[in-house]
Amino acid sequence: MIDSFQKNNIQILTLNRPKVNALNEELIQSLSDNLDSLESNQDINGIILTGQNGIFSAGLDLIELYNKDKEYMHYFWSLFSDLLLKIYSYPKIIFTAISGHSPAGGTVISIMSDYRIMSKGNFLIGLNEVAVGLSMPIAIGRVFQSLLGERVAEKMTLKGELVNPEKARQVGLIDEVVTSEKLLDYTIETMTQWLKLPFEKQITSKLTLRKEIIDLMNYSKKNHDDFINAWFSDECRNTMKGLITKLSKK
């Protein structure tokens, strides 16, 4: 599920779940376990999350999750929420090298990291939860607002808007755009420059600036009835069913 290798004091974690790195329990748990194992590794100060050429993650695995019951979805959303909090409050520097399409859950993972560099190309990124029939979870929405500003985040959320890499950079959803051939090397080079600064002060400052949202994430991960109710609403079920029919034909 996760391919991993080390470059100096940087660990690269590559999502590797065919075909499109759709997020299911196993992939989420695998990424979480890798982060846990690296947290105490004194040889690693930075982590880069990436995917295959053309895809970072297509988001939640709707095909696998559609027929799960409410008890499982409570468990699954708790697992996913724990991963998001872990990335957002991680005591090391985390970059995302967004290697292609990254809608919905792929975007959610990337916005929890400290810096986002995306491949140039005909790719889409954004939080299209509303378009799928879901409401925006409060903590995810707050992180989205912190990056884009309240008005831009609100407009993109209400339209369920997916944008290309250049537009994503313009609105602050990502930080840089480079060619796919240069993506990983450039991301490693950029992180290497960051890691020349006093590491402990970097992490302390990050956690200080994020304290309000971290507190909100800790609260909301225990109170996700709104998301579960939306997931099982008729509107969402009908929309997901249509999406699954399209995905199954590919």
C-alpha atoms as a PDB file:
ATOM      1  CA  MET A   1       0.000   0.000   0.000  1.00  0.00           C
ATOM      2  CA  ILE A   2       2.904   2.363   0.763  1.00  0.00           C
ATOM      3  CA  ASP A   3       6.301   2.341  -0.933  1.00  0.00           C
ATOM      4  CA  SER A   4       8.987   3.962   1.193  1.00  0.00           C
ATOM      5  CA  PHE A   5      12.586   5.048   0.720  1.00  0.00           C
ATOM      6  CA  GLN A   6      15.008   7.435   2.406  1.00  0.00           C
ATOM      7  CA  LYS A   7      16.981  10.281   0.845  1.00  0.00           C
ATOM      8  CA  ASN A   8      19.401  11.769   3.382  1.00  0.00           C
ATOM      9  CA  ASN A   9      17.177  12.889   6.279  1.00  0.00           C
ATOM     10  CA  ILE A  10      13.980  12.775   4.206  1.00  0.00           C
ATOM     11  CA  GLN A  11      11.605   9.810   3.885  1.00  0.00           C
ATOM     12  CA  ILE A  12       9.462   9.520   0.757  1.00  0.00           C
ATOM     13  CA  LEU A  13       6.144   7.711   1.173  1.00  0.00           C
ATOM     14  CA  THR A  14       4.405   6.793  -2.092  1.00  0.00           C
ATOM     15  CA  LEU A  15       0.746   5.799  -2.070  1.00  0.00           C
ATOM     16  CA  ASN A  16       0.543   2.594  -4.097  1.00  0.00           C
ATOM     17  CA  ARG A  17      -2.937   1.133  -4.224  1.00  0.00           C
ATOM     18  CA  PRO A  18      -4.007   0.348  -7.797  1.00  0.00           C
ATOM     19  CA  LYS A  19      -5.588   1.845  -9.758  1.00  0.00           C
ATOM     20  CA  VAL A  20      -5.995   5.389  -8.405  1.00  0.00           C
ATOM     21  CA  ASN A  21      -4.920   5.267  -4.749  1.00  0.00           C
ATOM     22  CA  ALA A  22      -8.539   5.336  -3.610  1.00  0.00           C
ATOM     23  CA  LEU A  23      -8.634   5.711   0.158  1.00  0.00           C
ATOM     24  CA  ASN A  24      -9.904   2.658   1.996  1.00  0.00           C
ATOM     25  CA  GLU A  25      -9.241   1.330   5.494  1.00  0.00           C
ATOM     26  CA  GLU A  26      -6.070  -0.533   4.513  1.00  0.00           C
ATOM     27  CA  LEU A  27      -4.430   2.409   2.726  1.00  0.00           C
ATOM     28  CA  ILE A  28      -5.289   4.855   5.510  1.00  0.00           C
ATOM     29  CA  GLN A  29      -4.001   2.466   8.178  1.00  0.00           C
ATOM     30  CA  SER A  30      -0.825   1.787   6.198  1.00  0.00           C
ATOM     31  CA  LEU A  31      -0.043   5.493   5.851  1.00  0.00           C
ATOM     32  CA  SER A  32      -0.793   6.065   9.527  1.00  0.00           C
ATOM     33  CA  ASP A  33       1.466   3.174  10.562  1.00  0.00           C
ATOM     34  CA  ASN A  34       4.315   4.514   8.434  1.00  0.00           C
ATOM     35  CA  LEU A  35       4.005   7.931  10.044  1.00  0.00           C
ATOM     36  CA  ASP A  36       3.991   6.343  13.491  1.00  0.00           C
ATOM     37  CA  SER A  37       7.177   4.431  12.774  1.00  0.00           C
ATOM     38  CA  LEU A  38       8.949   7.529  11.433  1.00  0.00           C
ATOM     39  CA  GLU A  39       7.977   9.816  14.298  1.00  0.00           C
ATOM     40  CA  SER A  40      10.629   8.405  16.635  1.00  0.00           C
ATOM     41  CA  ASN A  41      13.267   7.986  13.912  1.00  0.00           C
ATOM     42  CA  GLN A  42      15.931  10.570  14.736  1.00  0.00           C
ATOM     43  CA  ASP A  43      17.498  10.200  11.283  1.00  0.00           C
ATOM     44  CA  ILE A  44      14.359  11.559   9.608  1.00  0.00           C
ATOM     45  CA  ASN A  45      13.315  15.214   9.860  1.00  0.00           C
ATOM     46  CA  GLY A  46      11.138  15.462   6.766  1.00  0.00           C
ATOM     47  CA  ILE A  47       8.531  13.340   4.995  1.00  0.00           C
ATOM     48  CA  ILE A  48       7.222  13.650   1.439  1.00  0.00           C
ATOM     49  CA  LEU A  49       3.874  12.130   0.489  1.00  0.00           C
ATOM     50  CA  THR A  50       3.376  11.379  -3.202  1.00  0.00           C
ATOM     51  CA  GLY A  51       1.691   9.037  -5.667  1.00  0.00           C
ATOM     52  CA  GLN A  52       2.170   7.665  -9.167  1.00  0.00           C
ATOM     53  CA  ASN A  53       2.602   9.802 -12.267  1.00  0.00           C
ATOM     54  CA  GLY A  54      -0.836  11.189 -13.105  1.00  0.00           C
ATOM     55  CA  ILE A  55      -2.519  10.445  -9.786  1.00  0.00           C
ATOM     56  CA  PHE A  56      -2.007  11.345  -6.161  1.00  0.00           C
ATOM     57  CA  SER A  57      -5.291  10.006  -4.823  1.00  0.00           C
ATOM     58  CA  ALA A  58      -8.796   9.872  -6.240  1.00  0.00           C
ATOM     59  CA  GLY A  59     -10.267  10.297  -2.751  1.00  0.00           C
ATOM     60  CA  LEU A  60     -12.417   7.938  -0.734  1.00  0.00           C
ATOM     61  CA  ASP A  61     -13.069   4.538  -2.270  1.00  0.00           C
ATOM     62  CA  LEU A  62     -16.780   4.988  -2.942  1.00  0.00           C
ATOM     63  CA  ILE A  63     -17.143   1.574  -4.534  1.00  0.00           C
ATOM     64  CA  GLU A  64     -15.839  -0.179  -1.419  1.00  0.00           C
ATOM     65  CA  LEU A  65     -17.518   2.115   1.107  1.00  0.00           C
ATOM     66  CA  TYR A  66     -20.956   2.497  -0.462  1.00  0.00           C
ATOM     67  CA  ASN A  67     -22.479  -0.657   1.052  1.00  0.00           C
ATOM     68  CA  LYS A  68     -20.882  -0.323   4.486  1.00  0.00           C
ATOM     69  CA  ASP A  69     -23.247   0.216   7.417  1.00  0.00           C
ATOM     70  CA  LYS A  70     -23.308   3.146   9.830  1.00  0.00           C
ATOM     71  CA  GLU A  71     -21.234   1.368  12.458  1.00  0.00           C
ATOM     72  CA  TYR A  72     -18.422   0.777   9.971  1.00  0.00           C
ATOM     73  CA  MET A  73     -18.602   4.317   8.606  1.00  0.00           C
ATOM     74  CA  HIS A  74     -18.288   5.721  12.138  1.00  0.00           C
ATOM     75  CA  TYR A  75     -15.162   3.605  12.541  1.00  0.00           C
ATOM     76  CA  PHE A  76     -13.819   4.519   9.099  1.00  0.00           C
ATOM     77  CA  TRP A  77     -14.341   8.247   9.532  1.00  0.00           C
ATOM     78  CA  SER A  78     -12.657   8.123  12.934  1.00  0.00           C
ATOM     79  CA  LEU A  79      -9.689   6.353  11.341  1.00  0.00           C
ATOM     80  CA  PHE A  80      -9.479   8.932   8.566  1.00  0.00           C
ATOM     81  CA  SER A  81      -9.893  11.828  11.002  1.00  0.00           C
ATOM     82  CA  ASP A  82      -7.074  10.457  13.158  1.00  0.00           C
ATOM     83  CA  LEU A  83      -4.810  10.340  10.089  1.00  0.00           C
ATOM     84  CA  LEU A  84      -5.632  13.931   9.147  1.00  0.00           C
ATOM     85  CA  LEU A  85      -4.909  15.154  12.656  1.00  0.00           C
ATOM     86  CA  LYS A  86      -1.681  13.150  12.706  1.00  0.00           C
ATOM     87  CA  ILE A  87      -0.468  14.817   9.495  1.00  0.00           C
ATOM     88  CA  TYR A  88      -1.571  18.312  10.509  1.00  0.00           C
ATOM     89  CA  SER A  89       0.074  18.129  13.945  1.00  0.00           C
ATOM     90  CA  TYR A  90       3.040  15.943  12.974  1.00  0.00           C
ATOM     91  CA  PRO A  91       6.290  16.805  14.792  1.00  0.00           C
ATOM     92  CA  LYS A  92       8.316  16.779  11.574  1.00  0.00           C
ATOM     93  CA  ILE A  93       8.070  18.661   8.288  1.00  0.00           C
ATOM     94  CA  ILE A  94       5.646  17.073   5.796  1.00  0.00           C
ATOM     95  CA  PHE A  95       5.400  18.038   2.110  1.00  0.00           C
ATOM     96  CA  THR A  96       3.022  16.678  -0.515  1.00  0.00           C
ATOM     97  CA  ALA A  97       4.337  16.090  -4.031  1.00  0.00           C
ATOM     98  CA  ILE A  98       0.970  15.980  -5.785  1.00  0.00           C
ATOM     99  CA  SER A  99       1.720  13.798  -8.778  1.00  0.00           C
ATOM    100  CA  GLY A 100      -1.568  14.221 -10.636  1.00  0.00           C
ATOM    101  CA  HIS A 101      -5.306  14.178  -9.997  1.00  0.00           C
ATOM    102  CA  SER A 102      -6.174  14.804  -6.354  1.00  0.00           C
ATOM    103  CA  PRO A 103      -9.890  15.453  -5.816  1.00  0.00           C
ATOM    104  CA  ALA A 104     -11.800  15.257  -2.533  1.00  0.00           C
ATOM    105  CA  GLY A 105      -9.961  13.004  -0.062  1.00  0.00           C
ATOM    106  CA  GLY A 106      -6.721  13.419  -1.992  1.00  0.00           C
ATOM    107  CA  THR A 107      -6.983  17.169  -1.477  1.00  0.00           C
ATOM    108  CA  VAL A 108      -7.914  16.672   2.170  1.00  0.00           C
ATOM    109  CA  ILE A 109      -4.691  14.756   2.847  1.00  0.00           C
ATOM    110  CA  SER A 110      -2.558  17.279   0.970  1.00  0.00           C
ATOM    111  CA  ILE A 111      -3.915  20.364   2.770  1.00  0.00           C
ATOM    112  CA  MET A 112      -2.923  18.842   6.099  1.00  0.00           C
ATOM    113  CA  SER A 113       0.742  18.932   5.053  1.00  0.00           C
ATOM    114  CA  ASP A 114       3.123  21.873   5.390  1.00  0.00           C
ATOM    115  CA  TYR A 115       3.810  22.550   1.703  1.00  0.00           C
ATOM    116  CA  ARG A 116       2.264  21.360  -1.554  1.00  0.00           C
ATOM    117  CA  ILE A 117       4.001  21.078  -4.926  1.00  0.00           C
ATOM    118  CA  MET A 118       1.920  19.785  -7.836  1.00  0.00           C
ATOM    119  CA  SER A 119       2.703  18.347 -11.245  1.00  0.00           C
ATOM    120  CA  LYS A 120       1.944  20.598 -14.181  1.00  0.00           C
ATOM    121  CA  GLY A 121      -0.682  19.135 -16.474  1.00  0.00           C
ATOM    122  CA  ASN A 122      -4.340  18.511 -17.128  1.00  0.00           C
ATOM    123  CA  PHE A 123      -5.042  17.519 -13.535  1.00  0.00           C
ATOM    124  CA  LEU A 124      -7.779  18.467 -11.077  1.00  0.00           C
ATOM    125  CA  ILE A 125      -7.639  19.223  -7.377  1.00  0.00           C
ATOM    126  CA  GLY A 126     -10.203  20.539  -4.910  1.00  0.00           C
ATOM    127  CA  LEU A 127     -12.838  19.714  -2.340  1.00  0.00           C
ATOM    128  CA  ASN A 128     -15.922  18.625  -4.280  1.00  0.00           C
ATOM    129  CA  GLU A 129     -17.802  17.150  -1.314  1.00  0.00           C
ATOM    130  CA  VAL A 130     -20.937  19.195  -2.011  1.00  0.00           C
ATOM    131  CA  ALA A 131     -21.024  17.907  -5.585  1.00  0.00           C
ATOM    132  CA  VAL A 132     -21.051  14.365  -4.194  1.00  0.00           C
ATOM    133  CA  GLY A 133     -23.897  15.182  -1.817  1.00  0.00           C
ATOM    134  CA  LEU A 134     -21.816  15.632   1.346  1.00  0.00           C
ATOM    135  CA  SER A 135     -21.499  18.641   3.605  1.00  0.00           C
ATOM    136  CA  MET A 136     -18.062  20.042   4.433  1.00  0.00           C
ATOM    137  CA  PRO A 137     -16.720  18.633   7.745  1.00  0.00           C
ATOM    138  CA  ILE A 138     -16.012  21.556  10.057  1.00  0.00           C
ATOM    139  CA  ALA A 139     -12.324  20.897  10.778  1.00  0.00           C
ATOM    140  CA  ILE A 140     -11.463  20.192   7.139  1.00  0.00           C
ATOM    141  CA  GLY A 141     -13.332  23.334   6.157  1.00  0.00           C
ATOM    142  CA  ARG A 142     -11.370  25.370   8.680  1.00  0.00           C
ATOM    143  CA  VAL A 143      -8.033  24.140   7.289  1.00  0.00           C
ATOM    144  CA  PHE A 144      -9.311  24.942   3.765  1.00  0.00           C
ATOM    145  CA  GLN A 145     -10.207  28.472   4.894  1.00  0.00           C
ATOM    146  CA  SER A 146      -6.803  28.975   6.499  1.00  0.00           C
ATOM    147  CA  LEU A 147      -5.133  28.347   3.129  1.00  0.00           C
ATOM    148  CA  LEU A 148      -7.480  30.086   0.704  1.00  0.00           C
ATOM    149  CA  GLY A 149      -9.139  32.725   2.855  1.00  0.00           C
ATOM    150  CA  GLU A 150     -12.758  32.574   3.927  1.00  0.00           C
ATOM    151  CA  ARG A 151     -14.476  33.925   0.801  1.00  0.00           C
ATOM    152  CA  VAL A 152     -12.521  31.902  -1.776  1.00  0.00           C
ATOM    153  CA  ALA A 153     -12.857  28.733   0.303  1.00  0.00           C
ATOM    154  CA  GLU A 154     -16.586  29.308   0.655  1.00  0.00           C
ATOM    155  CA  LYS A 155     -17.152  29.826  -3.065  1.00  0.00           C
ATOM    156  CA  MET A 156     -15.106  26.784  -4.034  1.00  0.00           C
ATOM    157  CA  THR A 157     -16.867  24.654  -1.423  1.00  0.00           C
ATOM    158  CA  LEU A 158     -20.394  25.686  -2.399  1.00  0.00           C
ATOM    159  CA  LYS A 159     -19.659  25.050  -6.083  1.00  0.00           C
ATOM    160  CA  GLY A 160     -17.835  21.782  -5.385  1.00  0.00           C
ATOM    161  CA  GLU A 161     -15.126  23.257  -7.583  1.00  0.00           C
ATOM    162  CA  LEU A 162     -12.166  21.306  -8.924  1.00  0.00           C
ATOM    163  CA  VAL A 163      -9.371  23.377 -10.471  1.00  0.00           C
ATOM    164  CA  ASN A 164      -6.208  22.824 -12.480  1.00  0.00           C
ATOM    165  CA  PRO A 165      -2.746  23.192 -10.919  1.00  0.00           C
ATOM    166  CA  GLU A 166      -2.222  26.815 -12.024  1.00  0.00           C
ATOM    167  CA  LYS A 167      -5.560  27.940 -10.613  1.00  0.00           C
ATOM    168  CA  ALA A 168      -4.852  25.957  -7.455  1.00  0.00           C
ATOM    169  CA  ARG A 169      -1.577  27.844  -7.064  1.00  0.00           C
ATOM    170  CA  GLN A 170      -3.241  31.199  -7.691  1.00  0.00           C
ATOM    171  CA  VAL A 171      -5.818  30.694  -4.935  1.00  0.00           C
ATOM    172  CA  GLY A 172      -3.320  29.229  -2.439  1.00  0.00           C
ATOM    173  CA  LEU A 173      -4.496  25.632  -2.480  1.00  0.00           C
ATOM    174  CA  ILE A 174      -0.997  24.565  -3.536  1.00  0.00           C
ATOM    175  CA  ASP A 175       2.322  26.402  -3.314  1.00  0.00           C
ATOM    176  CA  GLU A 176       4.161  25.578  -6.536  1.00  0.00           C
ATOM    177  CA  VAL A 177       3.713  23.866  -9.904  1.00  0.00           C
ATOM    178  CA  VAL A 178       6.532  21.989 -11.659  1.00  0.00           C
ATOM    179  CA  THR A 179       6.756  19.437 -14.449  1.00  0.00           C
ATOM    180  CA  SER A 180       6.090  15.842 -13.506  1.00  0.00           C
ATOM    181  CA  GLU A 181       9.656  14.905 -14.445  1.00  0.00           C
ATOM    182  CA  LYS A 182      11.040  17.330 -11.860  1.00  0.00           C
ATOM    183  CA  LEU A 183       8.381  16.901  -9.188  1.00  0.00           C
ATOM    184  CA  LEU A 184      10.034  14.583  -6.711  1.00  0.00           C
ATOM    185  CA  ASP A 185      13.584  15.893  -7.091  1.00  0.00           C
ATOM    186  CA  TYR A 186      12.380  19.474  -6.795  1.00  0.00           C
ATOM    187  CA  THR A 187      10.303  18.638  -3.736  1.00  0.00           C
ATOM    188  CA  ILE A 188      13.311  16.983  -2.093  1.00  0.00           C
ATOM    189  CA  GLU A 189      15.484  20.020  -2.917  1.00  0.00           C
ATOM    190  CA  THR A 190      12.909  22.426  -1.504  1.00  0.00           C
ATOM    191  CA  MET A 191      12.493  20.436   1.692  1.00  0.00           C
ATOM    192  CA  THR A 192      16.259  20.210   2.081  1.00  0.00           C
ATOM    193  CA  GLN A 193      16.380  24.021   2.167  1.00  0.00           C
ATOM    194  CA  TRP A 194      13.647  24.129   4.806  1.00  0.00           C
ATOM    195  CA  LEU A 195      15.512  21.612   6.939  1.00  0.00           C
ATOM    196  CA  LYS A 196      18.591  23.816   7.110  1.00  0.00           C
ATOM    197  CA  LEU A 197      16.696  26.000   9.587  1.00  0.00           C
ATOM    198  CA  PRO A 198      16.552  25.222  13.346  1.00  0.00           C
ATOM    199  CA  PHE A 199      14.321  22.147  13.330  1.00  0.00           C
ATOM    200  CA  GLU A 200      12.883  22.262  16.835  1.00  0.00           C
ATOM    201  CA  LYS A 201      11.902  25.922  16.422  1.00  0.00           C
ATOM    202  CA  GLN A 202      10.214  25.107  13.125  1.00  0.00           C
ATOM    203  CA  ILE A 203       8.057  22.421  14.680  1.00  0.00           C
ATOM    204  CA  THR A 204       7.244  24.428  17.810  1.00  0.00           C
ATOM    205  CA  SER A 205       6.206  27.380  15.657  1.00  0.00           C
ATOM    206  CA  LYS A 206       4.077  25.191  13.390  1.00  0.00           C
ATOM    207  CA  LEU A 207       2.190  23.658  16.297  1.00  0.00           C
ATOM    208  CA  THR A 208       1.721  27.058  17.932  1.00  0.00           C
ATOM    209  CA  LEU A 209       0.230  28.583  14.786  1.00  0.00           C
ATOM    210  CA  ARG A 210      -2.058  25.582  14.302  1.00  0.00           C
ATOM    211  CA  LYS A 211      -3.205  25.159  17.904  1.00  0.00           C
ATOM    212  CA  GLU A 212      -6.732  26.506  17.380  1.00  0.00           C
ATOM    213  CA  ILE A 213      -7.401  24.208  14.428  1.00  0.00           C
ATOM    214  CA  ILE A 214      -5.720  21.240  16.137  1.00  0.00           C
ATOM    215  CA  ASP A 215      -8.074  21.721  19.080  1.00  0.00           C
ATOM    216  CA  LEU A 216     -11.017  21.839  16.678  1.00  0.00           C
ATOM    217  CA  MET A 217      -9.843  18.668  14.954  1.00  0.00           C
ATOM    218  CA  ASN A 218      -9.523  16.878  18.289  1.00  0.00           C
ATOM    219  CA  TYR A 219     -13.084  17.885  19.122  1.00  0.00           C
ATOM    220  CA  SER A 220     -14.646  17.150  15.735  1.00  0.00           C
ATOM    221  CA  LYS A 221     -13.088  13.690  15.326  1.00  0.00           C
ATOM    222  CA  LYS A 222     -15.224  12.595  18.287  1.00  0.00           C
ATOM    223  CA  ASN A 223     -18.331  14.299  16.948  1.00  0.00           C
ATOM    224  CA  HIS A 224     -18.904  13.322  13.336  1.00  0.00           C
ATOM    225  CA  ASP A 225     -22.635  12.567  13.319  1.00  0.00           C
ATOM    226  CA  ASP A 226     -23.215  15.335  10.747  1.00  0.00           C
ATOM    227  CA  PHE A 227     -20.891  13.677   8.268  1.00  0.00           C
ATOM    228  CA  ILE A 228     -22.361  10.204   8.837  1.00  0.00           C
ATOM    229  CA  ASN A 229     -25.918  11.512   8.496  1.00  0.00           C
ATOM    230  CA  ALA A 230     -24.973  13.254   5.257  1.00  0.00           C
ATOM    231  CA  TRP A 231     -23.272  10.080   3.976  1.00  0.00           C
ATOM    232  CA  PHE A 232     -26.474   8.078   4.452  1.00  0.00           C
ATOM    233  CA  SER A 233     -28.850  10.782   3.209  1.00  0.00           C
ATOM    234  CA  ASP A 234     -30.938   9.991   0.127  1.00  0.00           C
ATOM    235  CA  GLU A 235     -29.308  12.855  -1.764  1.00  0.00           C
ATOM    236  CA  CYS A 236     -25.810  11.563  -1.134  1.00  0.00           C
ATOM    237  CA  ARG A 237     -26.684   7.912  -1.767  1.00  0.00           C
ATOM    238  CA  ASN A 238     -28.258   8.718  -5.123  1.00  0.00           C
ATOM    239  CA  THR A 239     -25.305  10.884  -6.174  1.00  0.00           C
ATOM    240  CA  MET A 240     -22.750   8.277  -5.107  1.00  0.00           C
ATOM    241  CA  LYS A 241     -24.667   5.534  -6.880  1.00  0.00           C
ATOM    242  CA  GLY A 242     -24.412   7.481 -10.134  1.00  0.00           C
ATOM    243  CA  LEU A 243     -20.688   8.071  -9.613  1.00  0.00           C
ATOM    244  CA  ILE A 244     -20.075   4.406  -8.836  1.00  0.00           C
ATOM    245  CA  THR A 245     -21.890   3.393 -12.032  1.00  0.00           C
ATOM    246  CA  LYS A 246     -19.549   5.637 -14.033  1.00  0.00           C
ATOM    247  CA  LEU A 247     -16.452   4.413 -12.191  1.00  0.00           C
ATOM    248  CA  SER A 248     -17.406   0.770 -12.662  1.00  0.00           C
ATOM    249  CA  LYS A 249     -17.458   1.239 -16.445  1.00  0.00           C
ATOM    250  CA  LYS A 250     -13.846   2.488 -16.542  1.00  0.00           C
END
